Amino acid sequence: QLQLVESGGGLVQPGGSLRLSCAAAGSSLDRYAVAWFRQAPGKEREGVSCATTRSDVTNYADSVKGRFTISRDNAKNTVYLQMNSLKPEDTAVYYCYAQRPGWRDLWGQGTQVTVSS
């Protein structure tokens, strides 16, 4: 049973950077499409970025385009979200998500990102 564990969140000043990691345990991640979502207080969960199994196709929300980069290392069974030029409105709990046709969708437990001076 594949499980996802996020790490890398924290407090950062506006304009700073963070790299989130999502490590998969229990099975291989290479057959799953992956994505990052976030949920700010009082708001609905929203998609941030996604990547196909080989990362040959990636997509980004307009609000993060040009600042965030999704990547994956299938050999390490890990997905990353590099976040640059962070803004206070990026403050949220960030969740890793994995999807494979015919299999149960998977979510990580979330990691808090706070952008504040």
C-alpha atoms as a PDB file:
ATOM      1  CA  GLN A   1       0.000   0.000   0.000  1.00  0.00           C
ATOM      2  CA  LEU A   2       1.552   3.264  -1.160  1.00  0.00           C
ATOM      3  CA  GLN A   3       1.796   6.005   1.446  1.00  0.00           C
ATOM      4  CA  LEU A   4       2.850   9.613   0.921  1.00  0.00           C
ATOM      5  CA  VAL A   5       4.773  11.715   3.439  1.00  0.00           C
ATOM      6  CA  GLU A   6       5.422  15.416   2.851  1.00  0.00           C
ATOM      7  CA  SER A   7       8.242  17.439   4.366  1.00  0.00           C
ATOM      8  CA  GLY A   8      10.012  20.732   3.854  1.00  0.00           C
ATOM      9  CA  GLY A   9       7.390  23.187   4.995  1.00  0.00           C
ATOM     10  CA  GLY A  10       8.115  26.018   7.388  1.00  0.00           C
ATOM     11  CA  LEU A  11       8.198  29.755   7.923  1.00  0.00           C
ATOM     12  CA  VAL A  12       9.815  31.894   5.244  1.00  0.00           C
ATOM     13  CA  GLN A  13       9.941  35.599   4.505  1.00  0.00           C
ATOM     14  CA  PRO A  14       8.285  37.039   1.402  1.00  0.00           C
ATOM     15  CA  GLY A  15      10.553  36.569  -1.584  1.00  0.00           C
ATOM     16  CA  GLY A  16      12.133  33.481  -0.074  1.00  0.00           C
ATOM     17  CA  SER A  17      12.194  29.890  -1.259  1.00  0.00           C
ATOM     18  CA  LEU A  18      11.251  26.465   0.019  1.00  0.00           C
ATOM     19  CA  ARG A  19      11.423  23.004  -1.452  1.00  0.00           C
ATOM     20  CA  LEU A  20       8.721  20.544  -0.489  1.00  0.00           C
ATOM     21  CA  SER A  21       9.318  16.823  -0.741  1.00  0.00           C
ATOM     22  CA  CYS A  22       6.808  14.009  -0.977  1.00  0.00           C
ATOM     23  CA  ALA A  23       8.317  10.623  -0.272  1.00  0.00           C
ATOM     24  CA  ALA A  24       6.412   7.503  -1.242  1.00  0.00           C
ATOM     25  CA  ALA A  25       6.679   4.367   0.850  1.00  0.00           C
ATOM     26  CA  GLY A  26       5.290   0.902   0.418  1.00  0.00           C
ATOM     27  CA  SER A  27       5.255   0.786  -3.358  1.00  0.00           C
ATOM     28  CA  SER A  28       6.712   2.431  -6.433  1.00  0.00           C
ATOM     29  CA  LEU A  29       5.499   5.863  -7.434  1.00  0.00           C
ATOM     30  CA  ASP A  30       6.533   5.612 -11.056  1.00  0.00           C
ATOM     31  CA  ARG A  31       3.109   4.523 -12.319  1.00  0.00           C
ATOM     32  CA  TYR A  32       1.292   7.356 -10.594  1.00  0.00           C
ATOM     33  CA  ALA A  33       0.573  10.829 -11.864  1.00  0.00           C
ATOM     34  CA  VAL A  34       1.343  13.253  -9.052  1.00  0.00           C
ATOM     35  CA  ALA A  35       0.179  16.668  -7.962  1.00  0.00           C
ATOM     36  CA  TRP A  36       0.459  19.263  -5.232  1.00  0.00           C
ATOM     37  CA  PHE A  37      -2.596  20.901  -3.727  1.00  0.00           C
ATOM     38  CA  ARG A  38      -2.879  23.544  -1.030  1.00  0.00           C
ATOM     39  CA  GLN A  39      -5.519  24.743   1.369  1.00  0.00           C
ATOM     40  CA  ALA A  40      -5.438  28.115   3.069  1.00  0.00           C
ATOM     41  CA  PRO A  41      -7.529  28.835   6.200  1.00  0.00           C
ATOM     42  CA  GLY A  42     -11.168  29.340   5.304  1.00  0.00           C
ATOM     43  CA  LYS A  43     -10.608  28.411   1.666  1.00  0.00           C
ATOM     44  CA  GLU A  44     -11.182  25.339  -0.443  1.00  0.00           C
ATOM     45  CA  ARG A  45      -8.334  23.048  -1.407  1.00  0.00           C
ATOM     46  CA  GLU A  46      -6.898  24.068  -4.766  1.00  0.00           C
ATOM     47  CA  GLY A  47      -4.567  22.467  -7.266  1.00  0.00           C
ATOM     48  CA  VAL A  48      -1.107  23.973  -7.499  1.00  0.00           C
ATOM     49  CA  SER A  49       0.762  21.775  -9.934  1.00  0.00           C
ATOM     50  CA  CYS A  50       0.697  18.311 -11.480  1.00  0.00           C
ATOM     51  CA  ALA A  51       2.961  16.022 -13.468  1.00  0.00           C
ATOM     52  CA  THR A  52       2.516  12.872 -15.499  1.00  0.00           C
ATOM     53  CA  THR A  53       4.372   9.664 -14.690  1.00  0.00           C
ATOM     54  CA  ARG A  54       7.482  10.752 -16.576  1.00  0.00           C
ATOM     55  CA  SER A  55       7.002  14.476 -15.975  1.00  0.00           C
ATOM     56  CA  ASP A  56       6.750  14.942 -19.729  1.00  0.00           C
ATOM     57  CA  VAL A  57       3.650  17.025 -19.091  1.00  0.00           C
ATOM     58  CA  THR A  58       3.381  19.464 -16.196  1.00  0.00           C
ATOM     59  CA  ASN A  59       0.777  22.077 -15.354  1.00  0.00           C
ATOM     60  CA  TYR A  60       0.614  24.963 -12.929  1.00  0.00           C
ATOM     61  CA  ALA A  61      -2.044  27.168 -11.453  1.00  0.00           C
ATOM     62  CA  ASP A  62      -1.851  30.697 -12.846  1.00  0.00           C
ATOM     63  CA  SER A  63      -1.077  32.021  -9.376  1.00  0.00           C
ATOM     64  CA  VAL A  64       2.200  30.070  -9.146  1.00  0.00           C
ATOM     65  CA  LYS A  65       3.283  29.900 -12.785  1.00  0.00           C
ATOM     66  CA  GLY A  66       6.880  31.022 -13.195  1.00  0.00           C
ATOM     67  CA  ARG A  67       7.580  30.710  -9.464  1.00  0.00           C
ATOM     68  CA  PHE A  68       6.949  27.035  -8.636  1.00  0.00           C
ATOM     69  CA  THR A  69       8.434  23.948 -10.274  1.00  0.00           C
ATOM     70  CA  ILE A  70       7.231  20.379  -9.856  1.00  0.00           C
ATOM     71  CA  SER A  71       9.657  17.535 -10.397  1.00  0.00           C
ATOM     72  CA  ARG A  72       9.950  13.888  -9.560  1.00  0.00           C
ATOM     73  CA  ASP A  73      12.756  11.430  -9.039  1.00  0.00           C
ATOM     74  CA  ASN A  74      11.283   7.999  -9.623  1.00  0.00           C
ATOM     75  CA  ALA A  75      14.527   6.334  -8.558  1.00  0.00           C
ATOM     76  CA  LYS A  76      14.120   7.971  -5.142  1.00  0.00           C
ATOM     77  CA  ASN A  77      10.343   7.543  -5.152  1.00  0.00           C
ATOM     78  CA  THR A  78       9.998  11.250  -4.393  1.00  0.00           C
ATOM     79  CA  VAL A  79       8.143  14.241  -5.787  1.00  0.00           C
ATOM     80  CA  TYR A  80       9.315  17.806  -5.214  1.00  0.00           C
ATOM     81  CA  LEU A  81       7.807  21.265  -5.355  1.00  0.00           C
ATOM     82  CA  GLN A  82      10.375  24.042  -5.615  1.00  0.00           C
ATOM     83  CA  MET A  83       8.767  27.300  -4.539  1.00  0.00           C
ATOM     84  CA  ASN A  84      10.528  30.581  -5.272  1.00  0.00           C
ATOM     85  CA  SER A  85       9.547  34.219  -4.835  1.00  0.00           C
ATOM     86  CA  LEU A  86       7.070  33.226  -2.160  1.00  0.00           C
ATOM     87  CA  LYS A  87       4.232  35.573  -1.289  1.00  0.00           C
ATOM     88  CA  PRO A  88       2.047  35.819   1.820  1.00  0.00           C
ATOM     89  CA  GLU A  89      -0.862  34.488  -0.225  1.00  0.00           C
ATOM     90  CA  ASP A  90       1.073  31.241  -0.721  1.00  0.00           C
ATOM     91  CA  THR A  91       0.533  30.502   2.970  1.00  0.00           C
ATOM     92  CA  ALA A  92      -1.346  27.218   3.225  1.00  0.00           C
ATOM     93  CA  VAL A  93      -1.105  23.555   4.070  1.00  0.00           C
ATOM     94  CA  TYR A  94       0.396  21.805   1.060  1.00  0.00           C
ATOM     95  CA  TYR A  95      -0.665  18.273   0.175  1.00  0.00           C
ATOM     96  CA  CYS A  96       0.891  15.711  -2.090  1.00  0.00           C
ATOM     97  CA  TYR A  97      -1.472  13.625  -4.235  1.00  0.00           C
ATOM     98  CA  ALA A  98      -0.938  10.544  -6.389  1.00  0.00           C
ATOM     99  CA  GLN A  99      -3.317   9.030  -8.885  1.00  0.00           C
ATOM    100  CA  ARG A 100      -3.226   5.836 -10.922  1.00  0.00           C
ATOM    101  CA  PRO A 101      -6.092   4.573 -13.093  1.00  0.00           C
ATOM    102  CA  GLY A 102      -7.960   1.768 -11.362  1.00  0.00           C
ATOM    103  CA  TRP A 103      -6.266   2.374  -8.015  1.00  0.00           C
ATOM    104  CA  ARG A 104      -7.298   4.375  -4.971  1.00  0.00           C
ATOM    105  CA  ASP A 105      -6.302   8.041  -4.974  1.00  0.00           C
ATOM    106  CA  LEU A 106      -3.664   8.821  -2.366  1.00  0.00           C
ATOM    107  CA  TRP A 107      -3.062  11.912  -0.217  1.00  0.00           C
ATOM    108  CA  GLY A 108      -0.260  12.858   2.127  1.00  0.00           C
ATOM    109  CA  GLN A 109      -0.871  14.332   5.564  1.00  0.00           C
ATOM    110  CA  GLY A 110       0.121  17.861   4.548  1.00  0.00           C
ATOM    111  CA  THR A 111       2.909  20.263   5.441  1.00  0.00           C
ATOM    112  CA  GLN A 112       2.429  23.853   6.584  1.00  0.00           C
ATOM    113  CA  VAL A 113       3.979  26.687   4.604  1.00  0.00           C
ATOM    114  CA  THR A 114       3.827  30.148   6.142  1.00  0.00           C
ATOM    115  CA  VAL A 115       5.094  33.205   4.284  1.00  0.00           C
ATOM    116  CA  SER A 116       5.418  36.162   6.607  1.00  0.00           C
ATOM    117  CA  SER A 117       7.841  38.878   7.629  1.00  0.00           C
END
